[in-house]
Amino acid sequence: NAFLKILFRRPHLNSPFHAQLNKISVLEA
């Protein structure tokens, strides 16, 4: 988790920290 926080302090596109969406919620949205 510390490694990922350092990595995504850099300018980035998408992030594993925001990737944990379940598909049911995505379909509803």
PDB file of all heavy atoms in Angstrom:
ATOM      1  N   ASN A   1       0.830  -1.200   0.000  1.00  0.00           N
ATOM      2  CA  ASN A   1       0.000   0.000   0.000  1.00  0.00           C
ATOM      3  C   ASN A   1       0.873   1.262   0.000  1.00  0.00           C
ATOM      4  O   ASN A   1       0.573   2.241  -0.703  1.00  0.00           O
ATOM      5  CB  ASN A   1      -0.917  -0.008   1.223  1.00  0.00           C
ATOM      6  CG  ASN A   1      -2.096   0.933   1.070  1.00  0.00           C
ATOM      7  OD1 ASN A   1      -2.806   0.887   0.069  1.00  0.00           O
ATOM      8  ND2 ASN A   1      -2.309   1.778   2.065  1.00  0.00           N
ATOM      9  N   ALA A   2       1.961   1.229   0.757  1.00  0.00           N
ATOM     10  CA  ALA A   2       2.885   2.365   0.773  1.00  0.00           C
ATOM     11  C   ALA A   2       3.528   2.554  -0.598  1.00  0.00           C
ATOM     12  O   ALA A   2       3.659   3.688  -1.094  1.00  0.00           O
ATOM     13  CB  ALA A   2       3.960   2.151   1.837  1.00  0.00           C
ATOM     14  N   PHE A   3       3.940   1.456  -1.226  1.00  0.00           N
ATOM     15  CA  PHE A   3       4.505   1.511  -2.579  1.00  0.00           C
ATOM     16  C   PHE A   3       3.534   2.172  -3.552  1.00  0.00           C
ATOM     17  O   PHE A   3       3.902   3.055  -4.335  1.00  0.00           O
ATOM     18  CB  PHE A   3       4.857   0.093  -3.040  1.00  0.00           C
ATOM     19  CG  PHE A   3       5.012  -0.056  -4.521  1.00  0.00           C
ATOM     20  CD1 PHE A   3       6.177   0.322  -5.159  1.00  0.00           C
ATOM     21  CD2 PHE A   3       3.975  -0.593  -5.286  1.00  0.00           C
ATOM     22  CE1 PHE A   3       6.319   0.185  -6.538  1.00  0.00           C
ATOM     23  CE2 PHE A   3       4.112  -0.738  -6.655  1.00  0.00           C
ATOM     24  CZ  PHE A   3       5.283  -0.344  -7.279  1.00  0.00           C
ATOM     25  N   LEU A   4       2.258   1.768  -3.496  1.00  0.00           N
ATOM     26  CA  LEU A   4       1.268   2.307  -4.420  1.00  0.00           C
ATOM     27  C   LEU A   4       0.998   3.792  -4.161  1.00  0.00           C
ATOM     28  O   LEU A   4       0.813   4.577  -5.096  1.00  0.00           O
ATOM     29  CB  LEU A   4      -0.034   1.506  -4.313  1.00  0.00           C
ATOM     30  CG  LEU A   4       0.026   0.084  -4.877  1.00  0.00           C
ATOM     31  CD1 LEU A   4      -1.243  -0.677  -4.543  1.00  0.00           C
ATOM     32  CD2 LEU A   4       0.258   0.099  -6.382  1.00  0.00           C
ATOM     33  N   LYS A   5       0.993   4.180  -2.893  1.00  0.00           N
ATOM     34  CA  LYS A   5       0.775   5.594  -2.584  1.00  0.00           C
ATOM     35  C   LYS A   5       1.907   6.462  -3.137  1.00  0.00           C
ATOM     36  O   LYS A   5       1.673   7.546  -3.659  1.00  0.00           O
ATOM     37  CB  LYS A   5       0.649   5.781  -1.067  1.00  0.00           C
ATOM     38  CG  LYS A   5      -0.694   5.328  -0.513  1.00  0.00           C
ATOM     39  CD  LYS A   5      -0.810   5.629   0.976  1.00  0.00           C
ATOM     40  CE  LYS A   5      -2.199   5.258   1.486  1.00  0.00           C
ATOM     41  NZ  LYS A   5      -2.349   5.509   2.939  1.00  0.00           N
ATOM     42  N   ILE A   6       3.131   5.964  -3.042  1.00  0.00           N
ATOM     43  CA  ILE A   6       4.268   6.700  -3.607  1.00  0.00           C
ATOM     44  C   ILE A   6       4.134   6.767  -5.129  1.00  0.00           C
ATOM     45  O   ILE A   6       4.296   7.829  -5.748  1.00  0.00           O
ATOM     46  CB  ILE A   6       5.599   6.025  -3.231  1.00  0.00           C
ATOM     47  CG1 ILE A   6       5.787   6.009  -1.717  1.00  0.00           C
ATOM     48  CG2 ILE A   6       6.773   6.730  -3.909  1.00  0.00           C
ATOM     49  CD1 ILE A   6       6.898   5.090  -1.252  1.00  0.00           C
ATOM     50  N   LEU A   7       3.831   5.624  -5.738  1.00  0.00           N
ATOM     51  CA  LEU A   7       3.724   5.555  -7.198  1.00  0.00           C
ATOM     52  C   LEU A   7       2.663   6.508  -7.722  1.00  0.00           C
ATOM     53  O   LEU A   7       2.874   7.220  -8.716  1.00  0.00           O
ATOM     54  CB  LEU A   7       3.408   4.116  -7.615  1.00  0.00           C
ATOM     55  CG  LEU A   7       3.348   3.808  -9.108  1.00  0.00           C
ATOM     56  CD1 LEU A   7       4.667   4.116  -9.781  1.00  0.00           C
ATOM     57  CD2 LEU A   7       2.956   2.354  -9.327  1.00  0.00           C
ATOM     58  N   PHE A   8       1.520   6.573  -7.032  1.00  0.00           N
ATOM     59  CA  PHE A   8       0.411   7.371  -7.537  1.00  0.00           C
ATOM     60  C   PHE A   8       0.372   8.774  -6.940  1.00  0.00           C
ATOM     61  O   PHE A   8      -0.616   9.485  -7.100  1.00  0.00           O
ATOM     62  CB  PHE A   8      -0.908   6.616  -7.336  1.00  0.00           C
ATOM     63  CG  PHE A   8      -1.046   5.472  -8.300  1.00  0.00           C
ATOM     64  CD1 PHE A   8      -0.634   4.201  -7.948  1.00  0.00           C
ATOM     65  CD2 PHE A   8      -1.522   5.680  -9.579  1.00  0.00           C
ATOM     66  CE1 PHE A   8      -0.719   3.150  -8.839  1.00  0.00           C
ATOM     67  CE2 PHE A   8      -1.611   4.647 -10.482  1.00  0.00           C
ATOM     68  CZ  PHE A   8      -1.214   3.378 -10.118  1.00  0.00           C
ATOM     69  N   ARG A   9       1.472   9.177  -6.285  1.00  0.00           N
ATOM     70  CA  ARG A   9       1.673  10.600  -6.016  1.00  0.00           C
ATOM     71  C   ARG A   9       2.086  11.321  -7.292  1.00  0.00           C
ATOM     72  O   ARG A   9       1.892  12.520  -7.432  1.00  0.00           O
ATOM     73  CB  ARG A   9       2.774  10.800  -4.958  1.00  0.00           C
ATOM     74  CG  ARG A   9       2.343  10.601  -3.531  1.00  0.00           C
ATOM     75  CD  ARG A   9       3.286  11.307  -2.576  1.00  0.00           C
ATOM     76  NE  ARG A   9       4.684  11.027  -2.821  1.00  0.00           N
ATOM     77  CZ  ARG A   9       5.479  10.355  -1.997  1.00  0.00           C
ATOM     78  NH1 ARG A   9       4.998   9.878  -0.869  1.00  0.00           N
ATOM     79  NH2 ARG A   9       6.746  10.165  -2.291  1.00  0.00           N
ATOM     80  N   ARG A  10       2.685  10.555  -8.206  1.00  0.00           N
ATOM     81  CA  ARG A  10       3.067  11.125  -9.490  1.00  0.00           C
ATOM     82  C   ARG A  10       1.804  11.448 -10.296  1.00  0.00           C
ATOM     83  O   ARG A  10       0.732  10.895 -10.018  1.00  0.00           O
ATOM     84  CB  ARG A  10       3.910  10.138 -10.288  1.00  0.00           C
ATOM     85  CG  ARG A  10       5.404  10.167 -10.055  1.00  0.00           C
ATOM     86  CD  ARG A  10       5.781   9.928  -8.666  1.00  0.00           C
ATOM     87  NE  ARG A  10       7.234   9.941  -8.477  1.00  0.00           N
ATOM     88  CZ  ARG A  10       7.777   9.909  -7.286  1.00  0.00           C
ATOM     89  NH1 ARG A  10       7.038   9.877  -6.191  1.00  0.00           N
ATOM     90  NH2 ARG A  10       9.101   9.913  -7.168  1.00  0.00           N
ATOM     91  N   PRO A  11       1.912  12.325 -11.290  1.00  0.00           N
ATOM     92  CA  PRO A  11       0.779  12.492 -12.206  1.00  0.00           C
ATOM     93  C   PRO A  11       0.370  11.130 -12.760  1.00  0.00           C
ATOM     94  O   PRO A  11       1.227  10.312 -13.115  1.00  0.00           O
ATOM     95  CB  PRO A  11       1.345  13.411 -13.298  1.00  0.00           C
ATOM     96  CG  PRO A  11       2.435  14.176 -12.612  1.00  0.00           C
ATOM     97  CD  PRO A  11       3.048  13.211 -11.645  1.00  0.00           C
ATOM     98  N   HIS A  12      -0.928  10.864 -12.804  1.00  0.00           N
ATOM     99  CA  HIS A  12      -1.364   9.524 -13.192  1.00  0.00           C
ATOM    100  C   HIS A  12      -2.739   9.556 -13.844  1.00  0.00           C
ATOM    101  O   HIS A  12      -3.495  10.530 -13.715  1.00  0.00           O
ATOM    102  CB  HIS A  12      -1.382   8.590 -11.974  1.00  0.00           C
ATOM    103  CG  HIS A  12      -2.314   9.025 -10.893  1.00  0.00           C
ATOM    104  ND1 HIS A  12      -1.921   9.890  -9.890  1.00  0.00           N
ATOM    105  CD2 HIS A  12      -3.622   8.747 -10.651  1.00  0.00           C
ATOM    106  CE1 HIS A  12      -2.932  10.115  -9.075  1.00  0.00           C
ATOM    107  NE2 HIS A  12      -3.985   9.443  -9.523  1.00  0.00           N
ATOM    108  N   LEU A  13      -3.043   8.480 -14.517  1.00  0.00           N
ATOM    109  CA  LEU A  13      -4.359   8.249 -15.103  1.00  0.00           C
ATOM    110  C   LEU A  13      -4.913   6.977 -14.485  1.00  0.00           C
ATOM    111  O   LEU A  13      -4.320   5.904 -14.615  1.00  0.00           O
ATOM    112  CB  LEU A  13      -4.249   8.106 -16.628  1.00  0.00           C
ATOM    113  CG  LEU A  13      -5.556   7.825 -17.392  1.00  0.00           C
ATOM    114  CD1 LEU A  13      -6.526   8.985 -17.225  1.00  0.00           C
ATOM    115  CD2 LEU A  13      -5.262   7.570 -18.865  1.00  0.00           C
ATOM    116  N   ASN A  14      -6.027   7.098 -13.778  1.00  0.00           N
ATOM    117  CA  ASN A  14      -6.639   5.989 -13.037  1.00  0.00           C
ATOM    118  C   ASN A  14      -5.731   5.574 -11.870  1.00  0.00           C
ATOM    119  O   ASN A  14      -4.550   5.941 -11.814  1.00  0.00           O
ATOM    120  CB  ASN A  14      -6.939   4.787 -13.929  1.00  0.00           C
ATOM    121  CG  ASN A  14      -7.897   5.124 -15.042  1.00  0.00           C
ATOM    122  OD1 ASN A  14      -8.718   6.028 -14.927  1.00  0.00           O
ATOM    123  ND2 ASN A  14      -7.772   4.397 -16.149  1.00  0.00           N
ATOM    124  N   SER A  15      -6.305   4.795 -10.991  1.00  0.00           N
ATOM    125  CA  SER A  15      -5.567   4.378  -9.799  1.00  0.00           C
ATOM    126  C   SER A  15      -6.194   3.114  -9.233  1.00  0.00           C
ATOM    127  O   SER A  15      -7.428   2.992  -9.228  1.00  0.00           O
ATOM    128  CB  SER A  15      -5.605   5.483  -8.742  1.00  0.00           C
ATOM    129  OG  SER A  15      -5.270   4.983  -7.464  1.00  0.00           O
ATOM    130  N   PRO A  16      -5.385   2.167  -8.758  1.00  0.00           N
ATOM    131  CA  PRO A  16      -5.959   0.971  -8.125  1.00  0.00           C
ATOM    132  C   PRO A  16      -6.748   1.306  -6.872  1.00  0.00           C
ATOM    133  O   PRO A  16      -7.592   0.530  -6.436  1.00  0.00           O
ATOM    134  CB  PRO A  16      -4.721   0.115  -7.805  1.00  0.00           C
ATOM    135  CG  PRO A  16      -3.577   1.065  -7.810  1.00  0.00           C
ATOM    136  CD  PRO A  16      -3.918   2.137  -8.794  1.00  0.00           C
ATOM    137  N   PHE A  17      -6.501   2.477  -6.275  1.00  0.00           N
ATOM    138  CA  PHE A  17      -7.257   2.868  -5.086  1.00  0.00           C
ATOM    139  C   PHE A  17      -8.707   3.192  -5.421  1.00  0.00           C
ATOM    140  O   PHE A  17      -9.566   3.191  -4.547  1.00  0.00           O
ATOM    141  CB  PHE A  17      -6.606   4.084  -4.418  1.00  0.00           C
ATOM    142  CG  PHE A  17      -5.246   3.809  -3.860  1.00  0.00           C
ATOM    143  CD1 PHE A  17      -4.126   4.413  -4.398  1.00  0.00           C
ATOM    144  CD2 PHE A  17      -5.076   2.931  -2.801  1.00  0.00           C
ATOM    145  CE1 PHE A  17      -2.866   4.165  -3.888  1.00  0.00           C
ATOM    146  CE2 PHE A  17      -3.820   2.668  -2.285  1.00  0.00           C
ATOM    147  CZ  PHE A  17      -2.704   3.283  -2.820  1.00  0.00           C
ATOM    148  N   HIS A  18      -8.967   3.498  -6.695  1.00  0.00           N
ATOM    149  CA  HIS A  18     -10.324   3.838  -7.112  1.00  0.00           C
ATOM    150  C   HIS A  18     -10.894   2.783  -8.051  1.00  0.00           C
ATOM    151  O   HIS A  18     -11.882   3.036  -8.736  1.00  0.00           O
ATOM    152  CB  HIS A  18     -10.337   5.204  -7.810  1.00  0.00           C
ATOM    153  CG  HIS A  18      -9.795   6.305  -6.964  1.00  0.00           C
ATOM    154  ND1 HIS A  18      -8.975   7.305  -7.464  1.00  0.00           N
ATOM    155  CD2 HIS A  18      -9.924   6.560  -5.638  1.00  0.00           C
ATOM    156  CE1 HIS A  18      -8.629   8.126  -6.486  1.00  0.00           C
ATOM    157  NE2 HIS A  18      -9.197   7.693  -5.370  1.00  0.00           N
ATOM    158  N   ALA A  19     -10.275   1.624  -8.076  1.00  0.00           N
ATOM    159  CA  ALA A  19     -10.675   0.598  -9.042  1.00  0.00           C
ATOM    160  C   ALA A  19     -11.621  -0.441  -8.457  1.00  0.00           C
ATOM    161  O   ALA A  19     -12.124  -1.285  -9.183  1.00  0.00           O
ATOM    162  CB  ALA A  19      -9.433  -0.108  -9.595  1.00  0.00           C
ATOM    163  N   GLN A  20     -11.861  -0.385  -7.155  1.00  0.00           N
ATOM    164  CA  GLN A  20     -12.638  -1.438  -6.513  1.00  0.00           C
ATOM    165  C   GLN A  20     -14.132  -1.141  -6.535  1.00  0.00           C
ATOM    166  O   GLN A  20     -14.796  -1.037  -5.520  1.00  0.00           O
ATOM    167  CB  GLN A  20     -12.151  -1.628  -5.068  1.00  0.00           C
ATOM    168  CG  GLN A  20     -10.684  -1.998  -4.964  1.00  0.00           C
ATOM    169  CD  GLN A  20     -10.333  -3.234  -5.775  1.00  0.00           C
ATOM    170  OE1 GLN A  20     -11.036  -4.234  -5.699  1.00  0.00           O
ATOM    171  NE2 GLN A  20      -9.262  -3.180  -6.543  1.00  0.00           N
ATOM    172  N   LEU A  21     -14.676  -0.967  -7.736  1.00  0.00           N
ATOM    173  CA  LEU A  21     -16.104  -0.778  -7.907  1.00  0.00           C
ATOM    174  C   LEU A  21     -16.749  -2.100  -8.279  1.00  0.00           C
ATOM    175  O   LEU A  21     -16.255  -2.801  -9.157  1.00  0.00           O
ATOM    176  CB  LEU A  21     -16.375   0.244  -9.014  1.00  0.00           C
ATOM    177  CG  LEU A  21     -15.885   1.667  -8.751  1.00  0.00           C
ATOM    178  CD1 LEU A  21     -16.101   2.514  -9.996  1.00  0.00           C
ATOM    179  CD2 LEU A  21     -16.617   2.277  -7.571  1.00  0.00           C
ATOM    180  N   ASN A  22     -17.848  -2.444  -7.615  1.00  0.00           N
ATOM    181  CA  ASN A  22     -18.495  -3.688  -8.016  1.00  0.00           C
ATOM    182  C   ASN A  22     -19.379  -3.435  -9.234  1.00  0.00           C
ATOM    183  O   ASN A  22     -19.923  -2.341  -9.436  1.00  0.00           O
ATOM    184  CB  ASN A  22     -19.271  -4.306  -6.845  1.00  0.00           C
ATOM    185  CG  ASN A  22     -20.561  -3.579  -6.554  1.00  0.00           C
ATOM    186  OD1 ASN A  22     -21.520  -3.656  -7.327  1.00  0.00           O
ATOM    187  ND2 ASN A  22     -20.596  -2.873  -5.426  1.00  0.00           N
ATOM    188  N   LYS A  23     -19.506  -4.435 -10.072  1.00  0.00           N
ATOM    189  CA  LYS A  23     -20.156  -4.261 -11.373  1.00  0.00           C
ATOM    190  C   LYS A  23     -21.651  -4.009 -11.249  1.00  0.00           C
ATOM    191  O   LYS A  23     -22.250  -3.391 -12.136  1.00  0.00           O
ATOM    192  CB  LYS A  23     -19.854  -5.478 -12.246  1.00  0.00           C
ATOM    193  CG  LYS A  23     -18.384  -5.587 -12.635  1.00  0.00           C
ATOM    194  CD  LYS A  23     -18.115  -6.755 -13.548  1.00  0.00           C
ATOM    195  CE  LYS A  23     -16.648  -6.786 -13.976  1.00  0.00           C
ATOM    196  NZ  LYS A  23     -15.734  -7.092 -12.871  1.00  0.00           N
ATOM    197  N   ILE A  24     -22.274  -4.456 -10.176  1.00  0.00           N
ATOM    198  CA  ILE A  24     -23.695  -4.179  -9.986  1.00  0.00           C
ATOM    199  C   ILE A  24     -23.909  -2.676  -9.827  1.00  0.00           C
ATOM    200  O   ILE A  24     -24.804  -2.082 -10.439  1.00  0.00           O
ATOM    201  CB  ILE A  24     -24.240  -4.936  -8.765  1.00  0.00           C
ATOM    202  CG1 ILE A  24     -24.034  -6.455  -8.937  1.00  0.00           C
ATOM    203  CG2 ILE A  24     -25.720  -4.626  -8.567  1.00  0.00           C
ATOM    204  CD1 ILE A  24     -24.710  -7.039 -10.147  1.00  0.00           C
ATOM    205  N   SER A  25     -23.074  -2.045  -9.006  1.00  0.00           N
ATOM    206  CA  SER A  25     -23.180  -0.596  -8.810  1.00  0.00           C
ATOM    207  C   SER A  25     -22.905   0.160 -10.107  1.00  0.00           C
ATOM    208  O   SER A  25     -23.557   1.165 -10.410  1.00  0.00           O
ATOM    209  CB  SER A  25     -22.200  -0.136  -7.725  1.00  0.00           C
ATOM    210  OG  SER A  25     -22.525  -0.712  -6.475  1.00  0.00           O
ATOM    211  N   VAL A  26     -21.924  -0.319 -10.881  1.00  0.00           N
ATOM    212  CA  VAL A  26     -21.596   0.326 -12.151  1.00  0.00           C
ATOM    213  C   VAL A  26     -22.780   0.231 -13.123  1.00  0.00           C
ATOM    214  O   VAL A  26     -23.126   1.200 -13.809  1.00  0.00           O
ATOM    215  CB  VAL A  26     -20.338  -0.308 -12.767  1.00  0.00           C
ATOM    216  CG1 VAL A  26     -20.107   0.202 -14.186  1.00  0.00           C
ATOM    217  CG2 VAL A  26     -19.120  -0.019 -11.905  1.00  0.00           C
ATOM    218  N   LEU A  27     -23.431  -0.931 -13.167  1.00  0.00           N
ATOM    219  CA  LEU A  27     -24.582  -1.100 -14.054  1.00  0.00           C
ATOM    220  C   LEU A  27     -25.737  -0.190 -13.635  1.00  0.00           C
ATOM    221  O   LEU A  27     -26.415   0.411 -14.481  1.00  0.00           O
ATOM    222  CB  LEU A  27     -25.024  -2.564 -14.055  1.00  0.00           C
ATOM    223  CG  LEU A  27     -24.072  -3.545 -14.753  1.00  0.00           C
ATOM    224  CD1 LEU A  27     -24.444  -4.976 -14.405  1.00  0.00           C
ATOM    225  CD2 LEU A  27     -24.080  -3.335 -16.260  1.00  0.00           C
ATOM    226  N   GLU A  28     -25.969  -0.092 -12.329  1.00  0.00           N
ATOM    227  CA  GLU A  28     -27.013   0.818 -11.838  1.00  0.00           C
ATOM    228  C   GLU A  28     -26.720   2.256 -12.238  1.00  0.00           C
ATOM    229  O   GLU A  28     -27.615   2.987 -12.686  1.00  0.00           O
ATOM    230  CB  GLU A  28     -27.114   0.716 -10.318  1.00  0.00           C
ATOM    231  CG  GLU A  28     -27.846  -0.516  -9.806  1.00  0.00           C
ATOM    232  CD  GLU A  28     -28.073  -0.451  -8.305  1.00  0.00           C
ATOM    233  OE1 GLU A  28     -27.093  -0.295  -7.554  1.00  0.00           O
ATOM    234  OE2 GLU A  28     -29.244  -0.536  -7.889  1.00  0.00           O
ATOM    235  N   ALA A  29     -25.457   2.678 -12.074  1.00  0.00           N
ATOM    236  CA  ALA A  29     -25.066   4.044 -12.431  1.00  0.00           C
ATOM    237  C   ALA A  29     -25.254   4.292 -13.927  1.00  0.00           C
ATOM    238  O   ALA A  29     -25.682   5.381 -14.337  1.00  0.00           O
ATOM    239  CB  ALA A  29     -23.621   4.293 -12.026  1.00  0.00           C
TER     240      ALA A  29
END
